[in-house]
Each structure stands twice: as C-alpha cells, then as structure tokens.
Amino acid sequence: MNKQIDFEKIESKEGFHKAVAEILEFPKYYGKNLDALYDLLTEMDFSVIHLKNLDSLSKLGEYGASILTTFKDAAKYNPNLHILYRKEK
C-alpha cells in the first residue's frame, strides 16, 4: 500500500481521524483516537505512508505533535510500515 496524507487539508482532530480512516482504508471499528491509530498502524502489512505539509500540523496544537509521534512510534514497532515526511506546501 502506498498512501498520502496531506495535513494542509486537515482542520481539526475529528477531520484528521475521518481523513486517515478513509485514506488508509481502516475498518469501521476504528476508534478515532491516537491509541486506535497506533494499533492499526502497527498491524499493517507492507505500507508506505507519505505525510505531506507537516507544517500544517501546527493548526492542531499539541494534538498535531502527538499525531506525528504516533506515526513515528508505530513505524519503529512495525518493520513493514514506512513513513515519509514532506514539509513542502
């Protein structure tokens, strides 16, 4: 799987979880919180996820930083998960 999440288009926590569930094709039971995100990311088969416009995470304050940490931690745990970071606008 090769997917892209563009943070420039995300305006809220709820918007992030809705977008990530759709983009990454999460099951309906996805809990729409960072613990649930971590759980599903660590269970993924081979995947490359491009995180684009990271500067836009600042709109979400501390939660934006926690989102990034969740992706980083999940990639450390799951050797099949590869995260690519792009700060461009």
PDB file of N, CA and C in Angstrom:
ATOM      1  N   MET A   1       0.843  -1.170   0.000  1.00  0.00           N
ATOM      2  CA  MET A   1       0.000   0.000   0.000  1.00  0.00           C
ATOM      3  C   MET A   1       0.893   1.240   0.000  1.00  0.00           C
ATOM      4  N   ASN A   2       0.543   2.211  -0.812  1.00  0.00           N
ATOM      5  CA  ASN A   2       1.272   3.471  -0.894  1.00  0.00           C
ATOM      6  C   ASN A   2       0.229   4.586  -0.833  1.00  0.00           C
ATOM      7  N   LYS A   3       0.178   5.313   0.285  1.00  0.00           N
ATOM      8  CA  LYS A   3      -0.860   6.324   0.519  1.00  0.00           C
ATOM      9  C   LYS A   3      -0.237   7.649   0.928  1.00  0.00           C
ATOM     10  N   GLN A   4      -1.011   8.723   0.766  1.00  0.00           N
ATOM     11  CA  GLN A   4      -0.543  10.056   1.146  1.00  0.00           C
ATOM     12  C   GLN A   4      -1.587  10.749   2.016  1.00  0.00           C
ATOM     13  N   ILE A   5      -1.122  11.345   3.104  1.00  0.00           N
ATOM     14  CA  ILE A   5      -1.980  12.155   3.964  1.00  0.00           C
ATOM     15  C   ILE A   5      -1.468  13.589   3.876  1.00  0.00           C
ATOM     16  N   ASP A   6      -2.316  14.497   3.396  1.00  0.00           N
ATOM     17  CA  ASP A   6      -1.948  15.903   3.239  1.00  0.00           C
ATOM     18  C   ASP A   6      -2.543  16.693   4.403  1.00  0.00           C
ATOM     19  N   PHE A   7      -1.690  17.114   5.327  1.00  0.00           N
ATOM     20  CA  PHE A   7      -2.167  17.805   6.525  1.00  0.00           C
ATOM     21  C   PHE A   7      -2.673  19.212   6.236  1.00  0.00           C
ATOM     22  N   GLU A   8      -2.367  19.751   5.077  1.00  0.00           N
ATOM     23  CA  GLU A   8      -2.865  21.080   4.724  1.00  0.00           C
ATOM     24  C   GLU A   8      -4.395  21.086   4.649  1.00  0.00           C
ATOM     25  N   LYS A   9      -4.974  19.945   4.328  1.00  0.00           N
ATOM     26  CA  LYS A   9      -6.425  19.833   4.165  1.00  0.00           C
ATOM     27  C   LYS A   9      -7.142  19.483   5.466  1.00  0.00           C
ATOM     28  N   ILE A  10      -6.405  19.292   6.548  1.00  0.00           N
ATOM     29  CA  ILE A  10      -6.995  18.855   7.815  1.00  0.00           C
ATOM     30  C   ILE A  10      -7.080  20.034   8.775  1.00  0.00           C
ATOM     31  N   GLU A  11      -8.283  20.271   9.301  1.00  0.00           N
ATOM     32  CA  GLU A  11      -8.532  21.448  10.136  1.00  0.00           C
ATOM     33  C   GLU A  11      -8.807  21.126  11.601  1.00  0.00           C
ATOM     34  N   SER A  12      -9.053  19.861  11.937  1.00  0.00           N
ATOM     35  CA  SER A  12      -9.444  19.513  13.309  1.00  0.00           C
ATOM     36  C   SER A  12      -9.053  18.071  13.625  1.00  0.00           C
ATOM     37  N   LYS A  13      -9.139  17.716  14.914  1.00  0.00           N
ATOM     38  CA  LYS A  13      -8.888  16.323  15.323  1.00  0.00           C
ATOM     39  C   LYS A  13      -9.854  15.387  14.604  1.00  0.00           C
ATOM     40  N   GLU A  14     -11.124  15.772  14.632  1.00  0.00           N
ATOM     41  CA  GLU A  14     -12.150  14.937  14.008  1.00  0.00           C
ATOM     42  C   GLU A  14     -11.891  14.797  12.509  1.00  0.00           C
ATOM     43  N   GLY A  15     -11.502  15.913  11.880  1.00  0.00           N
ATOM     44  CA  GLY A  15     -11.185  15.881  10.453  1.00  0.00           C
ATOM     45  C   GLY A  15     -10.000  14.985  10.147  1.00  0.00           C
ATOM     46  N   PHE A  16      -9.002  14.994  11.041  1.00  0.00           N
ATOM     47  CA  PHE A  16      -7.845  14.121  10.861  1.00  0.00           C
ATOM     48  C   PHE A  16      -8.275  12.662  10.893  1.00  0.00           C
ATOM     49  N   HIS A  17      -9.036  12.285  11.922  1.00  0.00           N
ATOM     50  CA  HIS A  17      -9.410  10.875  12.063  1.00  0.00           C
ATOM     51  C   HIS A  17     -10.323  10.417  10.924  1.00  0.00           C
ATOM     52  N   LYS A  18     -11.200  11.296  10.470  1.00  0.00           N
ATOM     53  CA  LYS A  18     -12.056  10.952   9.329  1.00  0.00           C
ATOM     54  C   LYS A  18     -11.202  10.739   8.081  1.00  0.00           C
ATOM     55  N   ALA A  19     -10.269  11.662   7.836  1.00  0.00           N
ATOM     56  CA  ALA A  19      -9.411  11.562   6.647  1.00  0.00           C
ATOM     57  C   ALA A  19      -8.511  10.335   6.697  1.00  0.00           C
ATOM     58  N   VAL A  20      -7.861  10.100   7.837  1.00  0.00           N
ATOM     59  CA  VAL A  20      -6.925   8.977   7.928  1.00  0.00           C
ATOM     60  C   VAL A  20      -7.667   7.643   7.789  1.00  0.00           C
ATOM     61  N   ALA A  21      -8.869   7.555   8.344  1.00  0.00           N
ATOM     62  CA  ALA A  21      -9.650   6.321   8.227  1.00  0.00           C
ATOM     63  C   ALA A  21     -10.001   6.037   6.768  1.00  0.00           C
ATOM     64  N   GLU A  22     -10.341   7.091   6.039  1.00  0.00           N
ATOM     65  CA  GLU A  22     -10.691   6.929   4.627  1.00  0.00           C
ATOM     66  C   GLU A  22      -9.458   6.626   3.778  1.00  0.00           C
ATOM     67  N   ILE A  23      -8.407   7.409   3.960  1.00  0.00           N
ATOM     68  CA  ILE A  23      -7.195   7.259   3.141  1.00  0.00           C
ATOM     69  C   ILE A  23      -6.531   5.902   3.358  1.00  0.00           C
ATOM     70  N   LEU A  24      -6.440   5.482   4.617  1.00  0.00           N
ATOM     71  CA  LEU A  24      -5.757   4.222   4.927  1.00  0.00           C
ATOM     72  C   LEU A  24      -6.709   3.029   4.943  1.00  0.00           C
ATOM     73  N   GLU A  25      -7.968   3.281   4.601  1.00  0.00           N
ATOM     74  CA  GLU A  25      -8.971   2.217   4.490  1.00  0.00           C
ATOM     75  C   GLU A  25      -9.100   1.416   5.786  1.00  0.00           C
ATOM     76  N   PHE A  26      -9.222   2.149   6.895  1.00  0.00           N
ATOM     77  CA  PHE A  26      -9.377   1.499   8.191  1.00  0.00           C
ATOM     78  C   PHE A  26     -10.761   0.857   8.296  1.00  0.00           C
ATOM     79  N   PRO A  27     -10.876  -0.185   9.121  1.00  0.00           N
ATOM     80  CA  PRO A  27     -12.180  -0.820   9.322  1.00  0.00           C
ATOM     81  C   PRO A  27     -13.132   0.122  10.070  1.00  0.00           C
ATOM     82  N   LYS A  28     -14.418  -0.179   9.994  1.00  0.00           N
ATOM     83  CA  LYS A  28     -15.436   0.670  10.627  1.00  0.00           C
ATOM     84  C   LYS A  28     -15.262   0.773  12.135  1.00  0.00           C
ATOM     85  N   TYR A  29     -14.641  -0.212  12.752  1.00  0.00           N
ATOM     86  CA  TYR A  29     -14.477  -0.178  14.206  1.00  0.00           C
ATOM     87  C   TYR A  29     -13.354   0.750  14.674  1.00  0.00           C
ATOM     88  N   TYR A  30     -12.656   1.418  13.749  1.00  0.00           N
ATOM     89  CA  TYR A  30     -11.579   2.346  14.122  1.00  0.00           C
ATOM     90  C   TYR A  30     -12.099   3.331  15.164  1.00  0.00           C
ATOM     91  N   GLY A  31     -11.408   3.424  16.290  1.00  0.00           N
ATOM     92  CA  GLY A  31     -11.862   4.209  17.430  1.00  0.00           C
ATOM     93  C   GLY A  31     -11.678   5.710  17.336  1.00  0.00           C
ATOM     94  N   LYS A  32     -11.085   6.207  16.276  1.00  0.00           N
ATOM     95  CA  LYS A  32     -10.909   7.644  16.044  1.00  0.00           C
ATOM     96  C   LYS A  32     -10.197   8.353  17.193  1.00  0.00           C
ATOM     97  N   ASN A  33      -9.122   7.730  17.659  1.00  0.00           N
ATOM     98  CA  ASN A  33      -8.231   8.345  18.649  1.00  0.00           C
ATOM     99  C   ASN A  33      -6.817   7.839  18.361  1.00  0.00           C
ATOM    100  N   LEU A  34      -5.839   8.432  19.027  1.00  0.00           N
ATOM    101  CA  LEU A  34      -4.442   8.100  18.706  1.00  0.00           C
ATOM    102  C   LEU A  34      -4.054   6.689  19.126  1.00  0.00           C
ATOM    103  N   ASP A  35      -4.642   6.167  20.192  1.00  0.00           N
ATOM    104  CA  ASP A  35      -4.359   4.778  20.580  1.00  0.00           C
ATOM    105  C   ASP A  35      -4.850   3.813  19.502  1.00  0.00           C
ATOM    106  N   ALA A  36      -6.047   4.062  18.993  1.00  0.00           N
ATOM    107  CA  ALA A  36      -6.596   3.211  17.931  1.00  0.00           C
ATOM    108  C   ALA A  36      -5.771   3.348  16.648  1.00  0.00           C
ATOM    109  N   LEU A  37      -5.326   4.570  16.351  1.00  0.00           N
ATOM    110  CA  LEU A  37      -4.463   4.788  15.184  1.00  0.00           C
ATOM    111  C   LEU A  37      -3.187   3.966  15.314  1.00  0.00           C
ATOM    112  N   TYR A  38      -2.543   4.049  16.462  1.00  0.00           N
ATOM    113  CA  TYR A  38      -1.308   3.295  16.704  1.00  0.00           C
ATOM    114  C   TYR A  38      -1.554   1.795  16.509  1.00  0.00           C
ATOM    115  N   ASP A  39      -2.637   1.297  17.096  1.00  0.00           N
ATOM    116  CA  ASP A  39      -2.930  -0.136  16.995  1.00  0.00           C
ATOM    117  C   ASP A  39      -3.057  -0.581  15.539  1.00  0.00           C
ATOM    118  N   LEU A  40      -3.787   0.179  14.743  1.00  0.00           N
ATOM    119  CA  LEU A  40      -3.970  -0.218  13.343  1.00  0.00           C
ATOM    120  C   LEU A  40      -2.700  -0.045  12.522  1.00  0.00           C
ATOM    121  N   LEU A  41      -1.930   0.998  12.802  1.00  0.00           N
ATOM    122  CA  LEU A  41      -0.662   1.190  12.082  1.00  0.00           C
ATOM    123  C   LEU A  41       0.319   0.056  12.375  1.00  0.00           C
ATOM    124  N   THR A  42       0.351  -0.411  13.607  1.00  0.00           N
ATOM    125  CA  THR A  42       1.306  -1.468  13.958  1.00  0.00           C
ATOM    126  C   THR A  42       0.886  -2.832  13.417  1.00  0.00           C
ATOM    127  N   GLU A  43      -0.359  -2.952  12.963  1.00  0.00           N
ATOM    128  CA  GLU A  43      -0.842  -4.211  12.395  1.00  0.00           C
ATOM    129  C   GLU A  43      -0.787  -4.240  10.866  1.00  0.00           C
ATOM    130  N   MET A  44      -0.391  -3.134  10.246  1.00  0.00           N
ATOM    131  CA  MET A  44      -0.422  -3.046   8.783  1.00  0.00           C
ATOM    132  C   MET A  44       0.631  -3.938   8.137  1.00  0.00           C
ATOM    133  N   ASP A  45       0.249  -4.493   6.976  1.00  0.00           N
ATOM    134  CA  ASP A  45       1.218  -5.185   6.135  1.00  0.00           C
ATOM    135  C   ASP A  45       2.079  -4.127   5.470  1.00  0.00           C
ATOM    136  N   PHE A  46       2.954  -4.543   4.571  1.00  0.00           N
ATOM    137  CA  PHE A  46       3.884  -3.593   3.955  1.00  0.00           C
ATOM    138  C   PHE A  46       3.144  -2.361   3.450  1.00  0.00           C
ATOM    139  N   SER A  47       3.546  -1.207   3.964  1.00  0.00           N
ATOM    140  CA  SER A  47       2.892   0.052   3.619  1.00  0.00           C
ATOM    141  C   SER A  47       3.893   1.193   3.621  1.00  0.00           C
ATOM    142  N   VAL A  48       3.691   2.111   2.689  1.00  0.00           N
ATOM    143  CA  VAL A  48       4.439   3.365   2.662  1.00  0.00           C
ATOM    144  C   VAL A  48       3.402   4.476   2.788  1.00  0.00           C
ATOM    145  N   ILE A  49       3.575   5.314   3.794  1.00  0.00           N
ATOM    146  CA  ILE A  49       2.650   6.423   4.008  1.00  0.00           C
ATOM    147  C   ILE A  49       3.435   7.720   3.899  1.00  0.00           C
ATOM    148  N   HIS A  50       3.016   8.568   2.977  1.00  0.00           N
ATOM    149  CA  HIS A  50       3.630   9.882   2.790  1.00  0.00           C
ATOM    150  C   HIS A  50       2.838  10.883   3.625  1.00  0.00           C
ATOM    151  N   LEU A  51       3.506  11.552   4.552  1.00  0.00           N
ATOM    152  CA  LEU A  51       2.877  12.610   5.337  1.00  0.00           C
ATOM    153  C   LEU A  51       3.317  13.930   4.725  1.00  0.00           C
ATOM    154  N   LYS A  52       2.381  14.671   4.163  1.00  0.00           N
ATOM    155  CA  LYS A  52       2.686  15.878   3.393  1.00  0.00           C
ATOM    156  C   LYS A  52       2.223  17.132   4.138  1.00  0.00           C
ATOM    157  N   ASN A  53       2.981  18.226   3.975  1.00  0.00           N
ATOM    158  CA  ASN A  53       2.670  19.518   4.588  1.00  0.00           C
ATOM    159  C   ASN A  53       2.619  19.429   6.115  1.00  0.00           C
ATOM    160  N   LEU A  54       3.696  18.911   6.677  1.00  0.00           N
ATOM    161  CA  LEU A  54       3.776  18.734   8.129  1.00  0.00           C
ATOM    162  C   LEU A  54       3.630  20.042   8.893  1.00  0.00           C
ATOM    163  N   ASP A  55       4.026  21.161   8.298  1.00  0.00           N
ATOM    164  CA  ASP A  55       3.895  22.445   8.984  1.00  0.00           C
ATOM    165  C   ASP A  55       2.439  22.752   9.330  1.00  0.00           C
ATOM    166  N   SER A  56       1.521  22.205   8.572  1.00  0.00           N
ATOM    167  CA  SER A  56       0.099  22.436   8.815  1.00  0.00           C
ATOM    168  C   SER A  56      -0.398  21.755  10.083  1.00  0.00           C
ATOM    169  N   LEU A  57       0.389  20.834  10.620  1.00  0.00           N
ATOM    170  CA  LEU A  57       0.007  20.193  11.885  1.00  0.00           C
ATOM    171  C   LEU A  57      -0.091  21.201  13.025  1.00  0.00           C
ATOM    172  N   SER A  58       0.577  22.336  12.888  1.00  0.00           N
ATOM    173  CA  SER A  58       0.545  23.349  13.950  1.00  0.00           C
ATOM    174  C   SER A  58      -0.874  23.855  14.196  1.00  0.00           C
ATOM    175  N   LYS A  59      -1.766  23.720  13.217  1.00  0.00           N
ATOM    176  CA  LYS A  59      -3.173  24.113  13.391  1.00  0.00           C
ATOM    177  C   LYS A  59      -3.833  23.314  14.508  1.00  0.00           C
ATOM    178  N   LEU A  60      -3.312  22.129  14.750  1.00  0.00           N
ATOM    179  CA  LEU A  60      -3.914  21.239  15.746  1.00  0.00           C
ATOM    180  C   LEU A  60      -3.217  21.317  17.101  1.00  0.00           C
ATOM    181  N   GLY A  61      -2.249  22.213  17.232  1.00  0.00           N
ATOM    182  CA  GLY A  61      -1.557  22.404  18.507  1.00  0.00           C
ATOM    183  C   GLY A  61      -0.831  21.149  18.968  1.00  0.00           C
ATOM    184  N   GLU A  62      -0.933  20.872  20.266  1.00  0.00           N
ATOM    185  CA  GLU A  62      -0.278  19.692  20.859  1.00  0.00           C
ATOM    186  C   GLU A  62      -0.731  18.397  20.186  1.00  0.00           C
ATOM    187  N   TYR A  63      -1.994  18.362  19.773  1.00  0.00           N
ATOM    188  CA  TYR A  63      -2.517  17.152  19.149  1.00  0.00           C
ATOM    189  C   TYR A  63      -1.785  16.857  17.841  1.00  0.00           C
ATOM    190  N   GLY A  64      -1.420  17.902  17.117  1.00  0.00           N
ATOM    191  CA  GLY A  64      -0.657  17.721  15.882  1.00  0.00           C
ATOM    192  C   GLY A  64       0.683  17.056  16.141  1.00  0.00           C
ATOM    193  N   ALA A  65       1.356  17.494  17.203  1.00  0.00           N
ATOM    194  CA  ALA A  65       2.637  16.878  17.578  1.00  0.00           C
ATOM    195  C   ALA A  65       2.425  15.422  17.982  1.00  0.00           C
ATOM    196  N   SER A  66       1.330  15.145  18.665  1.00  0.00           N
ATOM    197  CA  SER A  66       1.033  13.770  19.090  1.00  0.00           C
ATOM    198  C   SER A  66       0.733  12.869  17.897  1.00  0.00           C
ATOM    199  N   ILE A  67       0.100  13.413  16.881  1.00  0.00           N
ATOM    200  CA  ILE A  67      -0.157  12.643  15.657  1.00  0.00           C
ATOM    201  C   ILE A  67       1.167  12.192  15.047  1.00  0.00           C
ATOM    202  N   LEU A  68       2.081  13.120  14.911  1.00  0.00           N
ATOM    203  CA  LEU A  68       3.386  12.811  14.325  1.00  0.00           C
ATOM    204  C   LEU A  68       4.126  11.772  15.159  1.00  0.00           C
ATOM    205  N   THR A  69       4.096  11.918  16.479  1.00  0.00           N
ATOM    206  CA  THR A  69       4.732  10.951  17.376  1.00  0.00           C
ATOM    207  C   THR A  69       4.117   9.569  17.209  1.00  0.00           C
ATOM    208  N   THR A  70       2.801   9.509  17.046  1.00  0.00           N
ATOM    209  CA  THR A  70       2.116   8.224  16.869  1.00  0.00           C
ATOM    210  C   THR A  70       2.610   7.517  15.609  1.00  0.00           C
ATOM    211  N   PHE A  71       2.725   8.256  14.510  1.00  0.00           N
ATOM    212  CA  PHE A  71       3.240   7.652  13.276  1.00  0.00           C
ATOM    213  C   PHE A  71       4.681   7.175  13.459  1.00  0.00           C
ATOM    214  N   LYS A  72       5.515   7.994  14.086  1.00  0.00           N
ATOM    215  CA  LYS A  72       6.919   7.622  14.299  1.00  0.00           C
ATOM    216  C   LYS A  72       7.033   6.375  15.172  1.00  0.00           C
ATOM    217  N   ASP A  73       6.289   6.338  16.272  1.00  0.00           N
ATOM    218  CA  ASP A  73       6.344   5.194  17.184  1.00  0.00           C
ATOM    219  C   ASP A  73       5.842   3.916  16.512  1.00  0.00           C
ATOM    220  N   ALA A  74       4.776   4.037  15.735  1.00  0.00           N
ATOM    221  CA  ALA A  74       4.237   2.861  15.044  1.00  0.00           C
ATOM    222  C   ALA A  74       5.242   2.320  14.029  1.00  0.00           C
ATOM    223  N   ALA A  75       5.938   3.215  13.333  1.00  0.00           N
ATOM    224  CA  ALA A  75       6.934   2.782  12.343  1.00  0.00           C
ATOM    225  C   ALA A  75       8.125   2.104  13.014  1.00  0.00           C
ATOM    226  N   LYS A  76       8.471   2.545  14.219  1.00  0.00           N
ATOM    227  CA  LYS A  76       9.561   1.887  14.957  1.00  0.00           C
ATOM    228  C   LYS A  76       9.165   0.464  15.343  1.00  0.00           C
ATOM    229  N   TYR A  77       7.906   0.276  15.705  1.00  0.00           N
ATOM    230  CA  TYR A  77       7.422  -1.029  16.153  1.00  0.00           C
ATOM    231  C   TYR A  77       7.167  -1.978  14.978  1.00  0.00           C
ATOM    232  N   ASN A  78       6.623  -1.448  13.888  1.00  0.00           N
ATOM    233  CA  ASN A  78       6.226  -2.271  12.749  1.00  0.00           C
ATOM    234  C   ASN A  78       7.252  -2.134  11.615  1.00  0.00           C
ATOM    235  N   PRO A  79       8.062  -3.152  11.374  1.00  0.00           N
ATOM    236  CA  PRO A  79       9.084  -3.062  10.324  1.00  0.00           C
ATOM    237  C   PRO A  79       8.496  -2.998   8.909  1.00  0.00           C
ATOM    238  N   ASN A  80       7.203  -3.286   8.761  1.00  0.00           N
ATOM    239  CA  ASN A  80       6.547  -3.223   7.455  1.00  0.00           C
ATOM    240  C   ASN A  80       5.996  -1.840   7.126  1.00  0.00           C
ATOM    241  N   LEU A  81       6.044  -0.936   8.102  1.00  0.00           N
ATOM    242  CA  LEU A  81       5.477   0.401   7.935  1.00  0.00           C
ATOM    243  C   LEU A  81       6.592   1.408   7.689  1.00  0.00           C
ATOM    244  N   HIS A  82       6.487   2.129   6.585  1.00  0.00           N
ATOM    245  CA  HIS A  82       7.493   3.129   6.220  1.00  0.00           C
ATOM    246  C   HIS A  82       6.804   4.479   6.087  1.00  0.00           C
ATOM    247  N   ILE A  83       7.283   5.453   6.847  1.00  0.00           N
ATOM    248  CA  ILE A  83       6.700   6.789   6.848  1.00  0.00           C
ATOM    249  C   ILE A  83       7.677   7.745   6.171  1.00  0.00           C
ATOM    250  N   LEU A  84       7.192   8.481   5.187  1.00  0.00           N
ATOM    251  CA  LEU A  84       7.989   9.501   4.504  1.00  0.00           C
ATOM    252  C   LEU A  84       7.407  10.859   4.864  1.00  0.00           C
ATOM    253  N   TYR A  85       8.269  11.785   5.248  1.00  0.00           N
ATOM    254  CA  TYR A  85       7.844  13.100   5.727  1.00  0.00           C
ATOM    255  C   TYR A  85       8.162  14.159   4.685  1.00  0.00           C
ATOM    256  N   ARG A  86       7.163  15.009   4.387  1.00  0.00           N
ATOM    257  CA  ARG A  86       7.351  16.096   3.424  1.00  0.00           C
ATOM    258  C   ARG A  86       6.786  17.376   4.021  1.00  0.00           C
ATOM    259  N   LYS A  87       7.646  18.381   4.191  1.00  0.00           N
ATOM    260  CA  LYS A  87       7.217  19.645   4.795  1.00  0.00           C
ATOM    261  C   LYS A  87       6.701  20.658   3.784  1.00  0.00           C
ATOM    262  N   GLU A  88       6.841  20.382   2.510  1.00  0.00           N
ATOM    263  CA  GLU A  88       6.513  21.358   1.466  1.00  0.00           C
ATOM    264  C   GLU A  88       5.061  21.809   1.514  1.00  0.00           C
ATOM    265  N   LYS A  89       4.841  22.951   0.933  1.00  0.00           N
ATOM    266  CA  LYS A  89       3.477  23.483   0.770  1.00  0.00           C
ATOM    267  C   LYS A  89       3.142  23.509  -0.685  1.00  0.00           C
TER     268      LYS A  89
END
